[in-house]
Amino acid sequence: MYNDSGLDQSLKWPEGTLCITIAANIADSGILSFDACFPDSIVGFVHSSRFPDARYFEYFIRTAKANLQEFAPATAQKNMALSEKL
């Protein structure tokens, strides 16, 4: 659990956020059932009016997981670089 000092320097993601790992277990995913903070080895996708439910994108991630893992370099621990131009 984060204390107040930890929350002051962290982003709290809302319930319903799609979380996707970009390190170690590439493309593992899940949807938050409560507001939470997570480390920079996880990226968050917050639904919008254009994509009203993150579950559809999560289905895609699960389907494409093997292909996404091929893009990670084969080092001691796989990582995916995340471009700011997404």
PDB file of N, CA and C in Angstrom:
ATOM      1  N   MET A   1       0.839  -1.182   0.000  1.00  0.00           N
ATOM      2  CA  MET A   1       0.000   0.000   0.000  1.00  0.00           C
ATOM      3  C   MET A   1       0.880   1.241   0.000  1.00  0.00           C
ATOM      4  N   TYR A   2       0.445   2.244  -0.684  1.00  0.00           N
ATOM      5  CA  TYR A   2       1.151   3.519  -0.714  1.00  0.00           C
ATOM      6  C   TYR A   2       0.687   4.381   0.462  1.00  0.00           C
ATOM      7  N   ASN A   3       1.643   5.099   1.052  1.00  0.00           N
ATOM      8  CA  ASN A   3       1.262   6.105   2.043  1.00  0.00           C
ATOM      9  C   ASN A   3       1.015   7.418   1.287  1.00  0.00           C
ATOM     10  N   ASP A   4       0.665   8.463   1.992  1.00  0.00           N
ATOM     11  CA  ASP A   4       0.361   9.746   1.348  1.00  0.00           C
ATOM     12  C   ASP A   4       1.533  10.270   0.528  1.00  0.00           C
ATOM     13  N   SER A   5       2.758  10.095   1.020  1.00  0.00           N
ATOM     14  CA  SER A   5       3.943  10.555   0.304  1.00  0.00           C
ATOM     15  C   SER A   5       4.102   9.784  -1.012  1.00  0.00           C
ATOM     16  N   GLY A   6       3.862   8.489  -0.985  1.00  0.00           N
ATOM     17  CA  GLY A   6       3.945   7.680  -2.197  1.00  0.00           C
ATOM     18  C   GLY A   6       2.881   8.061  -3.203  1.00  0.00           C
ATOM     19  N   LEU A   7       1.677   8.318  -2.731  1.00  0.00           N
ATOM     20  CA  LEU A   7       0.590   8.710  -3.630  1.00  0.00           C
ATOM     21  C   LEU A   7       0.836  10.077  -4.255  1.00  0.00           C
ATOM     22  N   ASP A   8       1.544  10.972  -3.523  1.00  0.00           N
ATOM     23  CA  ASP A   8       1.848  12.301  -4.053  1.00  0.00           C
ATOM     24  C   ASP A   8       2.738  12.233  -5.292  1.00  0.00           C
ATOM     25  N   GLN A   9       3.548  11.173  -5.413  1.00  0.00           N
ATOM     26  CA  GLN A   9       4.464  11.077  -6.547  1.00  0.00           C
ATOM     27  C   GLN A   9       4.088   9.947  -7.514  1.00  0.00           C
ATOM     28  N   SER A  10       2.917   9.397  -7.371  1.00  0.00           N
ATOM     29  CA  SER A  10       2.460   8.313  -8.227  1.00  0.00           C
ATOM     30  C   SER A  10       1.155   8.684  -8.911  1.00  0.00           C
ATOM     31  N   LEU A  11       0.907   8.031 -10.030  1.00  0.00           N
ATOM     32  CA  LEU A  11      -0.354   8.216 -10.732  1.00  0.00           C
ATOM     33  C   LEU A  11      -1.309   7.122 -10.282  1.00  0.00           C
ATOM     34  N   LYS A  12      -2.483   7.510  -9.862  1.00  0.00           N
ATOM     35  CA  LYS A  12      -3.496   6.533  -9.464  1.00  0.00           C
ATOM     36  C   LYS A  12      -4.412   6.314 -10.664  1.00  0.00           C
ATOM     37  N   TRP A  13      -4.423   5.102 -11.161  1.00  0.00           N
ATOM     38  CA  TRP A  13      -5.226   4.738 -12.326  1.00  0.00           C
ATOM     39  C   TRP A  13      -6.623   4.341 -11.875  1.00  0.00           C
ATOM     40  N   PRO A  14      -7.651   4.712 -12.647  1.00  0.00           N
ATOM     41  CA  PRO A  14      -9.025   4.426 -12.226  1.00  0.00           C
ATOM     42  C   PRO A  14      -9.439   2.975 -12.494  1.00  0.00           C
ATOM     43  N   GLU A  15     -10.411   2.540 -11.731  1.00  0.00           N
ATOM     44  CA  GLU A  15     -11.037   1.235 -11.970  1.00  0.00           C
ATOM     45  C   GLU A  15     -11.425   1.152 -13.446  1.00  0.00           C
ATOM     46  N   GLY A  16     -11.228  -0.001 -14.064  1.00  0.00           N
ATOM     47  CA  GLY A  16     -11.556  -0.169 -15.475  1.00  0.00           C
ATOM     48  C   GLY A  16     -10.365   0.028 -16.400  1.00  0.00           C
ATOM     49  N   THR A  17      -9.205   0.461 -15.856  1.00  0.00           N
ATOM     50  CA  THR A  17      -8.003   0.646 -16.662  1.00  0.00           C
ATOM     51  C   THR A  17      -7.468  -0.712 -17.105  1.00  0.00           C
ATOM     52  N   LEU A  18      -7.116  -0.823 -18.383  1.00  0.00           N
ATOM     53  CA  LEU A  18      -6.454  -2.012 -18.890  1.00  0.00           C
ATOM     54  C   LEU A  18      -4.976  -1.877 -18.583  1.00  0.00           C
ATOM     55  N   CYS A  19      -4.392  -2.859 -17.926  1.00  0.00           N
ATOM     56  CA  CYS A  19      -2.972  -2.865 -17.576  1.00  0.00           C
ATOM     57  C   CYS A  19      -2.263  -3.899 -18.452  1.00  0.00           C
ATOM     58  N   ILE A  20      -1.135  -3.500 -19.039  1.00  0.00           N
ATOM     59  CA  ILE A  20      -0.378  -4.388 -19.918  1.00  0.00           C
ATOM     60  C   ILE A  20       1.086  -4.340 -19.498  1.00  0.00           C
ATOM     61  N   THR A  21       1.692  -5.508 -19.258  1.00  0.00           N
ATOM     62  CA  THR A  21       3.105  -5.546 -18.884  1.00  0.00           C
ATOM     63  C   THR A  21       3.971  -5.346 -20.113  1.00  0.00           C
ATOM     64  N   ILE A  22       5.071  -4.598 -19.941  1.00  0.00           N
ATOM     65  CA  ILE A  22       6.013  -4.385 -21.036  1.00  0.00           C
ATOM     66  C   ILE A  22       7.409  -4.865 -20.641  1.00  0.00           C
ATOM     67  N   ALA A  23       7.523  -5.583 -19.541  1.00  0.00           N
ATOM     68  CA  ALA A  23       8.797  -6.143 -19.112  1.00  0.00           C
ATOM     69  C   ALA A  23       8.546  -7.536 -18.543  1.00  0.00           C
ATOM     70  N   ALA A  24       9.548  -8.386 -18.657  1.00  0.00           N
ATOM     71  CA  ALA A  24       9.501  -9.763 -18.157  1.00  0.00           C
ATOM     72  C   ALA A  24       8.377 -10.562 -18.827  1.00  0.00           C
ATOM     73  N   ASN A  25       7.202 -10.560 -18.303  1.00  0.00           N
ATOM     74  CA  ASN A  25       6.073 -11.304 -18.869  1.00  0.00           C
ATOM     75  C   ASN A  25       5.342 -10.413 -19.872  1.00  0.00           C
ATOM     76  N   ILE A  26       5.942 -10.227 -21.037  1.00  0.00           N
ATOM     77  CA  ILE A  26       5.443  -9.297 -22.052  1.00  0.00           C
ATOM     78  C   ILE A  26       3.985  -9.575 -22.391  1.00  0.00           C
ATOM     79  N   ALA A  27       3.184  -8.533 -22.359  1.00  0.00           N
ATOM     80  CA  ALA A  27       1.783  -8.532 -22.793  1.00  0.00           C
ATOM     81  C   ALA A  27       0.835  -9.306 -21.889  1.00  0.00           C
ATOM     82  N   ASP A  28       1.240  -9.587 -20.647  1.00  0.00           N
ATOM     83  CA  ASP A  28       0.237 -10.055 -19.685  1.00  0.00           C
ATOM     84  C   ASP A  28      -0.694  -8.879 -19.465  1.00  0.00           C
ATOM     85  N   SER A  29      -1.963  -9.145 -19.281  1.00  0.00           N
ATOM     86  CA  SER A  29      -2.900  -8.040 -19.162  1.00  0.00           C
ATOM     87  C   SER A  29      -3.995  -8.340 -18.156  1.00  0.00           C
ATOM     88  N   GLY A  30      -4.631  -7.295 -17.721  1.00  0.00           N
ATOM     89  CA  GLY A  30      -5.754  -7.404 -16.801  1.00  0.00           C
ATOM     90  C   GLY A  30      -6.424  -6.050 -16.690  1.00  0.00           C
ATOM     91  N   ILE A  31      -7.624  -6.050 -16.182  1.00  0.00           N
ATOM     92  CA  ILE A  31      -8.380  -4.815 -16.020  1.00  0.00           C
ATOM     93  C   ILE A  31      -8.579  -4.561 -14.534  1.00  0.00           C
ATOM     94  N   LEU A  32      -8.240  -3.344 -14.106  1.00  0.00           N
ATOM     95  CA  LEU A  32      -8.356  -3.009 -12.684  1.00  0.00           C
ATOM     96  C   LEU A  32      -9.805  -3.072 -12.217  1.00  0.00           C
ATOM     97  N   SER A  33     -10.010  -3.707 -11.079  1.00  0.00           N
ATOM     98  CA  SER A  33     -11.353  -3.740 -10.482  1.00  0.00           C
ATOM     99  C   SER A  33     -11.459  -2.710  -9.353  1.00  0.00           C
ATOM    100  N   PHE A  34     -10.385  -1.910  -9.178  1.00  0.00           N
ATOM    101  CA  PHE A  34     -10.344  -0.837  -8.189  1.00  0.00           C
ATOM    102  C   PHE A  34      -9.270   0.153  -8.620  1.00  0.00           C
ATOM    103  N   ASP A  35      -9.307   1.376  -8.117  1.00  0.00           N
ATOM    104  CA  ASP A  35      -8.271   2.367  -8.406  1.00  0.00           C
ATOM    105  C   ASP A  35      -6.945   1.857  -7.857  1.00  0.00           C
ATOM    106  N   ALA A  36      -5.844   2.036  -8.615  1.00  0.00           N
ATOM    107  CA  ALA A  36      -4.556   1.508  -8.163  1.00  0.00           C
ATOM    108  C   ALA A  36      -3.395   2.232  -8.825  1.00  0.00           C
ATOM    109  N   CYS A  37      -2.226   2.110  -8.214  1.00  0.00           N
ATOM    110  CA  CYS A  37      -0.961   2.570  -8.775  1.00  0.00           C
ATOM    111  C   CYS A  37      -0.223   1.331  -9.266  1.00  0.00           C
ATOM    112  N   PHE A  38       0.638   1.504 -10.282  1.00  0.00           N
ATOM    113  CA  PHE A  38       1.478   0.390 -10.706  1.00  0.00           C
ATOM    114  C   PHE A  38       2.798   0.918 -11.236  1.00  0.00           C
ATOM    115  N   PRO A  39       3.826   0.043 -11.322  1.00  0.00           N
ATOM    116  CA  PRO A  39       5.170   0.486 -11.709  1.00  0.00           C
ATOM    117  C   PRO A  39       5.266   0.780 -13.201  1.00  0.00           C
ATOM    118  N   ASP A  40       6.432   1.327 -13.613  1.00  0.00           N
ATOM    119  CA  ASP A  40       6.614   1.696 -15.010  1.00  0.00           C
ATOM    120  C   ASP A  40       6.827   0.504 -15.936  1.00  0.00           C
ATOM    121  N   SER A  41       6.818  -0.699 -15.412  1.00  0.00           N
ATOM    122  CA  SER A  41       6.890  -1.892 -16.255  1.00  0.00           C
ATOM    123  C   SER A  41       5.496  -2.314 -16.717  1.00  0.00           C
ATOM    124  N   ILE A  42       4.509  -1.508 -16.376  1.00  0.00           N
ATOM    125  CA  ILE A  42       3.126  -1.735 -16.778  1.00  0.00           C
ATOM    126  C   ILE A  42       2.600  -0.442 -17.395  1.00  0.00           C
ATOM    127  N   VAL A  43       1.902  -0.567 -18.503  1.00  0.00           N
ATOM    128  CA  VAL A  43       1.273   0.605 -19.112  1.00  0.00           C
ATOM    129  C   VAL A  43      -0.235   0.499 -18.915  1.00  0.00           C
ATOM    130  N   GLY A  44      -0.880   1.651 -18.868  1.00  0.00           N
ATOM    131  CA  GLY A  44      -2.321   1.682 -18.665  1.00  0.00           C
ATOM    132  C   GLY A  44      -3.048   2.219 -19.879  1.00  0.00           C
ATOM    133  N   PHE A  45      -4.196   1.644 -20.163  1.00  0.00           N
ATOM    134  CA  PHE A  45      -5.072   2.080 -21.242  1.00  0.00           C
ATOM    135  C   PHE A  45      -6.411   2.406 -20.606  1.00  0.00           C
ATOM    136  N   VAL A  46      -6.776   3.684 -20.647  1.00  0.00           N
ATOM    137  CA  VAL A  46      -8.040   4.125 -20.053  1.00  0.00           C
ATOM    138  C   VAL A  46      -9.053   4.276 -21.177  1.00  0.00           C
ATOM    139  N   HIS A  47     -10.193   3.662 -21.016  1.00  0.00           N
ATOM    140  CA  HIS A  47     -11.211   3.720 -22.067  1.00  0.00           C
ATOM    141  C   HIS A  47     -11.697   5.145 -22.285  1.00  0.00           C
ATOM    142  N   SER A  48     -12.237   5.378 -23.468  1.00  0.00           N
ATOM    143  CA  SER A  48     -12.771   6.694 -23.826  1.00  0.00           C
ATOM    144  C   SER A  48     -14.103   6.481 -24.533  1.00  0.00           C
ATOM    145  N   SER A  49     -14.708   7.554 -24.975  1.00  0.00           N
ATOM    146  CA  SER A  49     -15.982   7.417 -25.683  1.00  0.00           C
ATOM    147  C   SER A  49     -15.795   6.654 -26.995  1.00  0.00           C
ATOM    148  N   ARG A  50     -14.605   6.733 -27.573  1.00  0.00           N
ATOM    149  CA  ARG A  50     -14.319   6.004 -28.813  1.00  0.00           C
ATOM    150  C   ARG A  50     -14.154   4.511 -28.549  1.00  0.00           C
ATOM    151  N   PHE A  51     -13.579   4.168 -27.409  1.00  0.00           N
ATOM    152  CA  PHE A  51     -13.417   2.783 -26.967  1.00  0.00           C
ATOM    153  C   PHE A  51     -14.025   2.672 -25.577  1.00  0.00           C
ATOM    154  N   PRO A  52     -15.347   2.519 -25.488  1.00  0.00           N
ATOM    155  CA  PRO A  52     -16.028   2.601 -24.195  1.00  0.00           C
ATOM    156  C   PRO A  52     -15.751   1.458 -23.221  1.00  0.00           C
ATOM    157  N   ASP A  53     -15.148   0.374 -23.691  1.00  0.00           N
ATOM    158  CA  ASP A  53     -14.899  -0.758 -22.804  1.00  0.00           C
ATOM    159  C   ASP A  53     -13.525  -1.333 -23.110  1.00  0.00           C
ATOM    160  N   ALA A  54     -12.634  -1.351 -22.134  1.00  0.00           N
ATOM    161  CA  ALA A  54     -11.263  -1.821 -22.329  1.00  0.00           C
ATOM    162  C   ALA A  54     -11.188  -3.324 -22.591  1.00  0.00           C
ATOM    163  N   ARG A  55     -12.255  -4.058 -22.315  1.00  0.00           N
ATOM    164  CA  ARG A  55     -12.216  -5.515 -22.502  1.00  0.00           C
ATOM    165  C   ARG A  55     -11.930  -5.897 -23.948  1.00  0.00           C
ATOM    166  N   TYR A  56     -12.440  -5.144 -24.910  1.00  0.00           N
ATOM    167  CA  TYR A  56     -12.214  -5.477 -26.312  1.00  0.00           C
ATOM    168  C   TYR A  56     -10.738  -5.359 -26.676  1.00  0.00           C
ATOM    169  N   PHE A  57     -10.086  -4.321 -26.162  1.00  0.00           N
ATOM    170  CA  PHE A  57      -8.662  -4.164 -26.413  1.00  0.00           C
ATOM    171  C   PHE A  57      -7.881  -5.257 -25.688  1.00  0.00           C
ATOM    172  N   GLU A  58      -8.329  -5.633 -24.503  1.00  0.00           N
ATOM    173  CA  GLU A  58      -7.651  -6.723 -23.793  1.00  0.00           C
ATOM    174  C   GLU A  58      -7.765  -8.026 -24.575  1.00  0.00           C
ATOM    175  N   TYR A  59      -8.893  -8.306 -25.187  1.00  0.00           N
ATOM    176  CA  TYR A  59      -9.038  -9.510 -26.013  1.00  0.00           C
ATOM    177  C   TYR A  59      -8.016  -9.493 -27.146  1.00  0.00           C
ATOM    178  N   PHE A  60      -7.834  -8.325 -27.756  1.00  0.00           N
ATOM    179  CA  PHE A  60      -6.837  -8.208 -28.821  1.00  0.00           C
ATOM    180  C   PHE A  60      -5.443  -8.495 -28.280  1.00  0.00           C
ATOM    181  N   ILE A  61      -5.082  -7.898 -27.145  1.00  0.00           N
ATOM    182  CA  ILE A  61      -3.756  -8.111 -26.554  1.00  0.00           C
ATOM    183  C   ILE A  61      -3.531  -9.593 -26.279  1.00  0.00           C
ATOM    184  N   ARG A  62      -4.516 -10.266 -25.719  1.00  0.00           N
ATOM    185  CA  ARG A  62      -4.381 -11.700 -25.445  1.00  0.00           C
ATOM    186  C   ARG A  62      -4.190 -12.493 -26.727  1.00  0.00           C
ATOM    187  N   THR A  63      -4.902 -12.107 -27.773  1.00  0.00           N
ATOM    188  CA  THR A  63      -4.794 -12.801 -29.061  1.00  0.00           C
ATOM    189  C   THR A  63      -3.422 -12.559 -29.696  1.00  0.00           C
ATOM    190  N   ALA A  64      -2.907 -11.342 -29.579  1.00  0.00           N
ATOM    191  CA  ALA A  64      -1.648 -10.959 -30.222  1.00  0.00           C
ATOM    192  C   ALA A  64      -0.425 -11.178 -29.339  1.00  0.00           C
ATOM    193  N   LYS A  65      -0.597 -11.722 -28.149  1.00  0.00           N
ATOM    194  CA  LYS A  65       0.503 -11.824 -27.179  1.00  0.00           C
ATOM    195  C   LYS A  65       1.745 -12.509 -27.753  1.00  0.00           C
ATOM    196  N   ALA A  66       1.601 -13.638 -28.416  1.00  0.00           N
ATOM    197  CA  ALA A  66       2.763 -14.345 -28.970  1.00  0.00           C
ATOM    198  C   ALA A  66       3.499 -13.474 -29.978  1.00  0.00           C
ATOM    199  N   ASN A  67       2.757 -12.766 -30.822  1.00  0.00           N
ATOM    200  CA  ASN A  67       3.396 -11.884 -31.805  1.00  0.00           C
ATOM    201  C   ASN A  67       4.085 -10.711 -31.122  1.00  0.00           C
ATOM    202  N   LEU A  68       3.488 -10.158 -30.090  1.00  0.00           N
ATOM    203  CA  LEU A  68       4.102  -9.038 -29.367  1.00  0.00           C
ATOM    204  C   LEU A  68       5.398  -9.466 -28.700  1.00  0.00           C
ATOM    205  N   GLN A  69       5.451 -10.689 -28.194  1.00  0.00           N
ATOM    206  CA  GLN A  69       6.662 -11.174 -27.531  1.00  0.00           C
ATOM    207  C   GLN A  69       7.830 -11.288 -28.497  1.00  0.00           C
ATOM    208  N   GLU A  70       7.557 -11.500 -29.772  1.00  0.00           N
ATOM    209  CA  GLU A  70       8.623 -11.592 -30.776  1.00  0.00           C
ATOM    210  C   GLU A  70       9.344 -10.257 -30.962  1.00  0.00           C
ATOM    211  N   PHE A  71       8.686  -9.136 -30.656  1.00  0.00           N
ATOM    212  CA  PHE A  71       9.304  -7.824 -30.815  1.00  0.00           C
ATOM    213  C   PHE A  71      10.258  -7.470 -29.670  1.00  0.00           C
ATOM    214  N   ALA A  72      10.177  -8.197 -28.574  1.00  0.00           N
ATOM    215  CA  ALA A  72      11.045  -7.919 -27.426  1.00  0.00           C
ATOM    216  C   ALA A  72      12.421  -8.536 -27.682  1.00  0.00           C
ATOM    217  N   PRO A  73      13.496  -7.774 -27.459  1.00  0.00           N
ATOM    218  CA  PRO A  73      14.830  -8.340 -27.663  1.00  0.00           C
ATOM    219  C   PRO A  73      15.094  -9.481 -26.688  1.00  0.00           C
ATOM    220  N   ALA A  74      15.839 -10.450 -27.127  1.00  0.00           N
ATOM    221  CA  ALA A  74      16.158 -11.618 -26.291  1.00  0.00           C
ATOM    222  C   ALA A  74      17.354 -11.297 -25.406  1.00  0.00           C
ATOM    223  N   THR A  75      17.123 -10.649 -24.301  1.00  0.00           N
ATOM    224  CA  THR A  75      18.157 -10.321 -23.329  1.00  0.00           C
ATOM    225  C   THR A  75      17.878 -11.127 -22.073  1.00  0.00           C
ATOM    226  N   ALA A  76      18.570 -10.828 -20.996  1.00  0.00           N
ATOM    227  CA  ALA A  76      18.330 -11.539 -19.739  1.00  0.00           C
ATOM    228  C   ALA A  76      16.872 -11.417 -19.314  1.00  0.00           C
ATOM    229  N   GLN A  77      16.297 -10.257 -19.516  1.00  0.00           N
ATOM    230  CA  GLN A  77      14.873 -10.052 -19.243  1.00  0.00           C
ATOM    231  C   GLN A  77      14.285  -9.293 -20.416  1.00  0.00           C
ATOM    232  N   LYS A  78      13.248  -9.842 -21.004  1.00  0.00           N
ATOM    233  CA  LYS A  78      12.636  -9.179 -22.145  1.00  0.00           C
ATOM    234  C   LYS A  78      11.959  -7.887 -21.706  1.00  0.00           C
ATOM    235  N   ASN A  79      12.070  -6.884 -22.547  1.00  0.00           N
ATOM    236  CA  ASN A  79      11.417  -5.592 -22.331  1.00  0.00           C
ATOM    237  C   ASN A  79      10.950  -5.061 -23.664  1.00  0.00           C
ATOM    238  N   MET A  80       9.880  -4.307 -23.664  1.00  0.00           N
ATOM    239  CA  MET A  80       9.434  -3.637 -24.875  1.00  0.00           C
ATOM    240  C   MET A  80       9.589  -2.143 -24.670  1.00  0.00           C
ATOM    241  N   ALA A  81      10.174  -1.477 -25.661  1.00  0.00           N
ATOM    242  CA  ALA A  81      10.292  -0.030 -25.599  1.00  0.00           C
ATOM    243  C   ALA A  81       8.932   0.574 -25.933  1.00  0.00           C
ATOM    244  N   LEU A  82       8.562   1.619 -25.249  1.00  0.00           N
ATOM    245  CA  LEU A  82       7.288   2.260 -25.482  1.00  0.00           C
ATOM    246  C   LEU A  82       7.549   3.634 -26.048  1.00  0.00           C
ATOM    247  N   SER A  83       7.122   3.866 -27.270  1.00  0.00           N
ATOM    248  CA  SER A  83       7.325   5.146 -27.931  1.00  0.00           C
ATOM    249  C   SER A  83       6.314   6.155 -27.400  1.00  0.00           C
ATOM    250  N   GLU A  84       6.719   7.397 -27.288  1.00  0.00           N
ATOM    251  CA  GLU A  84       5.804   8.440 -26.861  1.00  0.00           C
ATOM    252  C   GLU A  84       4.850   8.834 -27.976  1.00  0.00           C
ATOM    253  N   LYS A  85       5.050   8.334 -29.181  1.00  0.00           N
ATOM    254  CA  LYS A  85       4.226   8.691 -30.333  1.00  0.00           C
ATOM    255  C   LYS A  85       3.128   7.679 -30.573  1.00  0.00           C
ATOM    256  N   LEU A  86       2.673   6.989 -29.564  1.00  0.00           N
ATOM    257  CA  LEU A  86       1.614   6.010 -29.749  1.00  0.00           C
ATOM    258  C   LEU A  86       0.327   6.653 -30.023  1.00  0.00           C
TER     259      LEU A  86
END
